[in-house]
Amino acid sequence: MKTLSGVYKGDRLVEIEQDVQISKNIKVIIIIPDQDDEDILKTQFQKSAEVTMGKLWDNEEDNIWNEYL
């Protein structure tokens, strides 16, 4: 799963802000924040990412790499 930012251009067109290789006709989920909710959503996404990355990086198998540092 990827999280991407974009801009609605009208006429059912959303322009993604970065180049990405995805299949044509791929299904997507679009979340449109209300103006007041944008900062709240950013904070929630950041916290979710921190939890996920913490689980990925803070594990016994990853500790072996500390020996190479």
N, C-alpha and C. Protein backbone atom coordinates (compact mmCIF):
# COMPACT_ATOMS: atom_id res chain seq x y z
N MET A 1 0.85 -1.17 0.00
CA MET A 1 0.00 0.00 0.00
C MET A 1 0.90 1.23 0.00
N LYS A 2 0.49 2.25 -0.75
CA LYS A 2 1.22 3.49 -0.83
C LYS A 2 0.29 4.63 -0.44
N THR A 3 0.84 5.64 0.19
CA THR A 3 0.10 6.85 0.49
C THR A 3 0.68 7.97 -0.36
N LEU A 4 -0.14 8.57 -1.19
CA LEU A 4 0.31 9.60 -2.11
C LEU A 4 -0.54 10.85 -1.95
N SER A 5 0.04 11.99 -2.26
CA SER A 5 -0.70 13.24 -2.24
C SER A 5 -1.02 13.64 -3.67
N GLY A 6 -2.10 14.36 -3.83
CA GLY A 6 -2.48 14.82 -5.15
C GLY A 6 -3.40 16.01 -5.07
N VAL A 7 -3.80 16.50 -6.23
CA VAL A 7 -4.67 17.65 -6.32
C VAL A 7 -5.82 17.32 -7.27
N TYR A 8 -7.03 17.60 -6.84
CA TYR A 8 -8.20 17.40 -7.70
C TYR A 8 -8.22 18.51 -8.74
N LYS A 9 -8.23 18.14 -10.01
CA LYS A 9 -8.18 19.10 -11.11
C LYS A 9 -9.55 19.34 -11.73
N GLY A 10 -10.59 18.71 -11.20
CA GLY A 10 -11.93 18.85 -11.78
C GLY A 10 -12.17 17.78 -12.83
N ASP A 11 -13.40 17.66 -13.25
CA ASP A 11 -13.77 16.67 -14.27
C ASP A 11 -13.26 15.27 -13.95
N ARG A 12 -13.36 14.89 -12.67
CA ARG A 12 -12.98 13.54 -12.21
C ARG A 12 -11.49 13.24 -12.39
N LEU A 13 -10.65 14.25 -12.40
CA LEU A 13 -9.21 14.08 -12.60
C LEU A 13 -8.46 14.46 -11.34
N VAL A 14 -7.64 13.53 -10.84
CA VAL A 14 -6.77 13.80 -9.70
C VAL A 14 -5.33 13.66 -10.19
N GLU A 15 -4.52 14.68 -9.95
CA GLU A 15 -3.11 14.64 -10.35
C GLU A 15 -2.25 14.31 -9.14
N ILE A 16 -1.51 13.21 -9.23
CA ILE A 16 -0.61 12.80 -8.16
C ILE A 16 0.61 13.71 -8.18
N GLU A 17 1.07 14.13 -7.01
CA GLU A 17 2.14 15.11 -6.91
C GLU A 17 3.53 14.54 -7.18
N GLN A 18 3.66 13.24 -7.33
CA GLN A 18 4.96 12.64 -7.59
C GLN A 18 4.80 11.54 -8.63
N ASP A 19 5.89 11.24 -9.33
CA ASP A 19 5.85 10.14 -10.29
C ASP A 19 5.79 8.82 -9.56
N VAL A 20 4.93 7.94 -10.02
CA VAL A 20 4.80 6.62 -9.41
C VAL A 20 4.38 5.64 -10.49
N GLN A 21 4.92 4.44 -10.41
CA GLN A 21 4.59 3.39 -11.38
C GLN A 21 3.46 2.55 -10.80
N ILE A 22 2.27 2.72 -11.34
CA ILE A 22 1.13 1.90 -10.93
C ILE A 22 0.41 1.42 -12.19
N SER A 23 -0.30 0.34 -12.04
CA SER A 23 -1.02 -0.25 -13.16
C SER A 23 -2.20 0.63 -13.56
N LYS A 24 -2.49 0.64 -14.85
CA LYS A 24 -3.64 1.36 -15.35
C LYS A 24 -4.91 0.70 -14.82
N ASN A 25 -5.90 1.49 -14.52
CA ASN A 25 -7.20 1.04 -14.01
C ASN A 25 -7.12 0.38 -12.64
N ILE A 26 -6.08 0.68 -11.87
CA ILE A 26 -5.96 0.15 -10.51
C ILE A 26 -6.99 0.85 -9.61
N LYS A 27 -7.58 0.10 -8.70
CA LYS A 27 -8.54 0.68 -7.77
C LYS A 27 -7.79 1.47 -6.71
N VAL A 28 -8.35 2.61 -6.32
CA VAL A 28 -7.74 3.47 -5.32
C VAL A 28 -8.80 3.90 -4.31
N ILE A 29 -8.35 4.33 -3.17
CA ILE A 29 -9.21 4.93 -2.16
C ILE A 29 -8.76 6.38 -2.01
N ILE A 30 -9.70 7.28 -2.12
CA ILE A 30 -9.38 8.71 -2.02
C ILE A 30 -10.03 9.26 -0.77
N ILE A 31 -9.23 9.93 0.05
CA ILE A 31 -9.73 10.57 1.26
C ILE A 31 -9.62 12.07 1.04
N ILE A 32 -10.73 12.76 1.14
CA ILE A 32 -10.74 14.21 0.94
C ILE A 32 -10.99 14.86 2.30
N PRO A 33 -9.95 15.45 2.87
CA PRO A 33 -10.13 16.06 4.18
C PRO A 33 -10.86 17.40 4.08
N ASP A 34 -11.69 17.68 5.07
CA ASP A 34 -12.23 19.03 5.18
C ASP A 34 -11.07 19.94 5.54
N GLN A 35 -11.20 21.20 5.25
CA GLN A 35 -10.10 22.14 5.50
C GLN A 35 -9.67 22.07 6.97
N ASP A 36 -10.64 21.98 7.87
CA ASP A 36 -10.34 21.93 9.31
C ASP A 36 -9.69 20.61 9.71
N ASP A 37 -9.94 19.55 8.96
CA ASP A 37 -9.44 18.22 9.33
C ASP A 37 -8.05 17.93 8.79
N GLU A 38 -7.54 18.74 7.90
CA GLU A 38 -6.27 18.42 7.24
C GLU A 38 -5.12 18.24 8.24
N ASP A 39 -4.97 19.15 9.19
CA ASP A 39 -3.89 19.03 10.17
C ASP A 39 -4.10 17.81 11.06
N ILE A 40 -5.35 17.53 11.41
CA ILE A 40 -5.66 16.37 12.24
C ILE A 40 -5.28 15.10 11.50
N LEU A 41 -5.66 15.00 10.22
CA LEU A 41 -5.33 13.81 9.43
C LEU A 41 -3.82 13.64 9.29
N LYS A 42 -3.11 14.71 9.05
CA LYS A 42 -1.65 14.62 8.93
C LYS A 42 -1.04 14.08 10.22
N THR A 43 -1.52 14.56 11.36
CA THR A 43 -1.02 14.09 12.65
C THR A 43 -1.34 12.62 12.84
N GLN A 44 -2.56 12.20 12.49
CA GLN A 44 -2.94 10.80 12.64
C GLN A 44 -2.12 9.89 11.73
N PHE A 45 -1.91 10.32 10.49
CA PHE A 45 -1.10 9.52 9.56
C PHE A 45 0.34 9.42 10.06
N GLN A 46 0.87 10.52 10.59
CA GLN A 46 2.24 10.51 11.09
C GLN A 46 2.37 9.56 12.28
N LYS A 47 1.42 9.59 13.19
CA LYS A 47 1.46 8.69 14.35
C LYS A 47 1.36 7.24 13.90
N SER A 48 0.49 6.96 12.93
CA SER A 48 0.37 5.59 12.41
C SER A 48 1.67 5.13 11.79
N ALA A 49 2.30 6.01 11.03
CA ALA A 49 3.57 5.67 10.39
C ALA A 49 4.65 5.41 11.44
N GLU A 50 4.68 6.21 12.50
CA GLU A 50 5.66 6.02 13.56
C GLU A 50 5.49 4.67 14.24
N VAL A 51 4.25 4.29 14.51
CA VAL A 51 3.98 3.00 15.13
C VAL A 51 4.43 1.87 14.21
N THR A 52 4.07 1.96 12.95
CA THR A 52 4.44 0.93 11.98
C THR A 52 5.95 0.83 11.84
N MET A 53 6.62 1.97 11.67
CA MET A 53 8.08 1.95 11.52
C MET A 53 8.75 1.45 12.80
N GLY A 54 8.17 1.79 13.95
CA GLY A 54 8.71 1.30 15.20
C GLY A 54 8.69 -0.22 15.28
N LYS A 55 7.61 -0.82 14.80
CA LYS A 55 7.50 -2.27 14.79
C LYS A 55 8.50 -2.89 13.81
N LEU A 56 8.71 -2.21 12.68
CA LEU A 56 9.65 -2.73 11.70
C LEU A 56 11.09 -2.65 12.17
N TRP A 57 11.44 -1.54 12.81
CA TRP A 57 12.84 -1.31 13.18
C TRP A 57 13.19 -1.85 14.56
N ASP A 58 12.25 -1.93 15.46
CA ASP A 58 12.54 -2.34 16.83
C ASP A 58 12.18 -3.82 17.01
N ASN A 59 13.09 -4.69 16.53
CA ASN A 59 12.84 -6.11 16.67
C ASN A 59 14.18 -6.84 16.83
N GLU A 60 14.12 -8.05 17.31
CA GLU A 60 15.34 -8.83 17.58
C GLU A 60 16.15 -9.07 16.31
N GLU A 61 15.50 -9.36 15.21
CA GLU A 61 16.21 -9.65 13.97
C GLU A 61 16.98 -8.43 13.47
N ASP A 62 16.47 -7.26 13.74
CA ASP A 62 17.13 -6.04 13.30
C ASP A 62 18.37 -5.72 14.14
N ASN A 63 18.42 -6.22 15.36
CA ASN A 63 19.54 -5.92 16.24
C ASN A 63 20.87 -6.43 15.71
N ILE A 64 20.86 -7.44 14.87
CA ILE A 64 22.11 -7.96 14.32
C ILE A 64 22.84 -6.89 13.50
N TRP A 65 22.08 -5.97 12.89
CA TRP A 65 22.70 -4.92 12.09
C TRP A 65 23.48 -3.94 12.97
N ASN A 66 23.13 -3.84 14.24
CA ASN A 66 23.86 -2.95 15.14
C ASN A 66 25.32 -3.39 15.28
N GLU A 67 25.57 -4.68 15.14
CA GLU A 67 26.95 -5.20 15.22
C GLU A 67 27.80 -4.68 14.05
N TYR A 68 27.19 -4.47 12.91
CA TYR A 68 27.93 -4.00 11.74
C TYR A 68 28.24 -2.50 11.82
N LEU A 69 27.49 -1.78 12.63
CA LEU A 69 27.73 -0.34 12.77
C LEU A 69 28.93 -0.15 13.63
